[in-house]
Amino acid sequence: MKAQDHNKIVAIGFLVFAALFGFTFGLLMLLSLGVFLGMGFTSGDNTQAKIGVAGGIFAVIFYLVLGTIFVLPTAMTAWKAFKRRPGTRIWGVIAAILVIGVAPLGTALGVYALWFFFSAQGKEFYSTA
């Protein structure tokens, strides 16, 4: 396989993981927000409603931070790899380390991406980008 083929596989893989992470964190954020608000407002107590709103705000902030940590590097790697932009290797190594713990597909993608980014073929491919 040529370096372009490896690059395309890595880009598609990280795009899929960015979409999965984004969808999962968005869904969990909405679910947590609904649970906190529902628990707070159905109790009938004003203090409980304030706690529910505070919990909902915390859940939104928590999932936005998680989304920034996990979605941003994988999405940036996918975009930069598709466009052959400088800095793809740096974002790619970060994204590969983040997804390597998601067994089994994340492990396969992470190891494959690290192999490609640190191989002579990958270094040469991105040095001409």
Protein backbone atom coordinates (compact mmCIF):
# COMPACT_ATOMS: atom_id res chain seq x y z
CA MET A 1 0.00 0.00 0.00
CA LYS A 2 1.08 3.53 -0.66
CA ALA A 3 1.29 6.28 1.93
CA GLN A 4 -1.82 7.92 0.45
CA ASP A 5 -3.80 4.75 1.14
CA HIS A 6 -2.61 4.58 4.74
CA ASN A 7 -3.42 8.26 5.17
CA LYS A 8 -6.94 7.73 3.83
CA ILE A 9 -7.58 4.78 6.17
CA VAL A 10 -6.36 6.76 9.17
CA ALA A 11 -8.47 9.78 8.18
CA ILE A 12 -11.64 7.73 7.74
CA GLY A 13 -11.03 5.85 10.99
CA PHE A 14 -10.59 9.01 13.03
CA LEU A 15 -13.60 10.62 11.34
CA VAL A 16 -15.74 7.67 12.40
CA PHE A 17 -14.44 7.86 15.97
CA ALA A 18 -15.00 11.63 16.12
CA ALA A 19 -18.60 11.11 15.01
CA LEU A 20 -19.14 8.29 17.52
CA PHE A 21 -17.60 10.27 20.38
CA GLY A 22 -19.56 13.40 19.47
CA PHE A 23 -22.87 11.56 19.18
CA THR A 24 -22.31 9.64 22.42
CA PHE A 25 -21.29 12.68 24.46
CA GLY A 26 -24.12 14.76 23.01
CA LEU A 27 -26.68 12.08 23.80
CA LEU A 28 -25.34 11.56 27.33
CA MET A 29 -25.32 15.32 27.91
CA LEU A 30 -28.97 15.67 26.91
CA LEU A 31 -29.97 12.62 28.92
CA SER A 32 -28.16 13.83 32.05
CA LEU A 33 -29.61 17.31 31.66
CA GLY A 34 -33.12 15.87 31.35
CA VAL A 35 -32.67 13.64 34.38
CA PHE A 36 -31.36 16.44 36.57
CA LEU A 37 -34.03 18.90 35.48
CA GLY A 38 -36.76 16.28 35.73
CA MET A 39 -35.73 15.28 39.24
CA GLY A 40 -35.53 18.88 40.34
CA PHE A 41 -38.81 20.15 38.96
CA THR A 42 -41.00 17.14 39.70
CA SER A 43 -40.24 17.24 43.41
CA GLY A 44 -42.30 20.39 43.93
CA ASP A 45 -39.65 21.83 46.24
CA ASN A 46 -37.94 25.06 45.17
CA THR A 47 -34.62 23.99 46.69
CA GLN A 48 -34.70 20.71 44.80
CA ALA A 49 -35.36 22.59 41.56
CA LYS A 50 -32.25 24.70 42.13
CA ILE A 51 -30.19 21.58 42.78
CA GLY A 52 -31.58 20.02 39.60
CA VAL A 53 -30.63 23.08 37.55
CA ALA A 54 -27.15 23.13 39.09
CA GLY A 55 -26.73 19.43 38.33
CA GLY A 56 -27.88 19.99 34.76
CA ILE A 57 -25.39 22.83 34.29
CA PHE A 58 -22.63 20.65 35.72
CA ALA A 59 -23.57 17.80 33.36
CA VAL A 60 -23.48 20.10 30.32
CA ILE A 61 -20.08 21.51 31.30
CA PHE A 62 -18.74 18.01 32.06
CA TYR A 63 -19.74 16.59 28.68
CA LEU A 64 -18.52 19.67 26.81
CA VAL A 65 -15.11 19.22 28.43
CA LEU A 66 -15.10 15.50 27.58
CA GLY A 67 -16.15 16.35 24.03
CA THR A 68 -13.30 18.83 23.72
CA ILE A 69 -10.80 16.28 25.00
CA PHE A 70 -11.95 13.34 22.86
CA VAL A 71 -13.74 14.76 19.80
CA LEU A 72 -11.47 17.69 18.93
CA PRO A 73 -8.21 15.73 18.40
CA THR A 74 -9.90 12.94 16.44
CA ALA A 75 -11.83 15.38 14.25
CA MET A 76 -8.77 17.57 13.68
CA THR A 77 -6.72 14.54 12.71
CA ALA A 78 -9.35 13.40 10.24
CA TRP A 79 -9.68 16.85 8.66
CA LYS A 80 -5.94 17.47 8.49
CA ALA A 81 -5.26 14.00 7.09
CA PHE A 82 -7.88 14.43 4.35
CA LYS A 83 -6.38 17.80 3.43
CA ARG A 84 -2.72 16.73 3.98
CA ARG A 85 -2.17 19.70 6.25
CA PRO A 86 0.94 20.33 8.33
CA GLY A 87 0.60 19.16 11.91
CA THR A 88 -1.33 16.02 11.03
CA ARG A 89 1.23 13.79 12.73
CA ILE A 90 1.01 15.71 16.02
CA TRP A 91 -2.80 15.64 16.11
CA GLY A 92 -2.73 12.04 14.91
CA VAL A 93 -0.48 10.83 17.71
CA ILE A 94 -2.69 12.55 20.28
CA ALA A 95 -5.84 11.05 18.74
CA ALA A 96 -4.26 7.60 18.49
CA ILE A 97 -3.36 7.66 22.18
CA LEU A 98 -6.93 8.71 23.03
CA VAL A 99 -8.63 5.94 21.04
CA ILE A 100 -6.18 3.14 21.79
CA GLY A 101 -8.11 2.17 24.93
CA VAL A 102 -11.42 1.69 23.09
CA ALA A 103 -11.17 -2.04 22.43
CA PRO A 104 -11.13 -3.60 19.87
CA LEU A 105 -11.53 -1.11 17.02
CA GLY A 106 -9.91 1.81 18.80
CA THR A 107 -6.94 -0.33 19.68
CA ALA A 108 -6.55 -1.44 16.08
CA LEU A 109 -6.89 2.11 14.74
CA GLY A 110 -4.59 3.56 17.40
CA VAL A 111 -1.82 1.02 16.79
CA TYR A 112 -2.19 1.34 13.01
CA ALA A 113 -2.09 5.15 13.19
CA LEU A 114 0.94 5.17 15.48
CA TRP A 115 2.70 2.70 13.19
CA PHE A 116 1.98 4.88 10.16
CA PHE A 117 2.85 8.21 11.78
CA PHE A 118 6.18 6.92 13.09
CA SER A 119 7.15 4.87 10.02
CA ALA A 120 9.59 6.19 7.46
CA GLN A 121 6.79 6.20 4.91
CA GLY A 122 4.56 8.33 7.15
CA LYS A 123 7.33 10.75 8.05
CA GLU A 124 8.18 11.21 4.38
CA PHE A 125 4.50 11.61 3.42
CA TYR A 126 3.91 14.39 5.92
CA SER A 127 7.26 16.10 5.37
CA THR A 128 6.14 16.94 1.81
CA ALA A 129 2.68 18.09 2.94
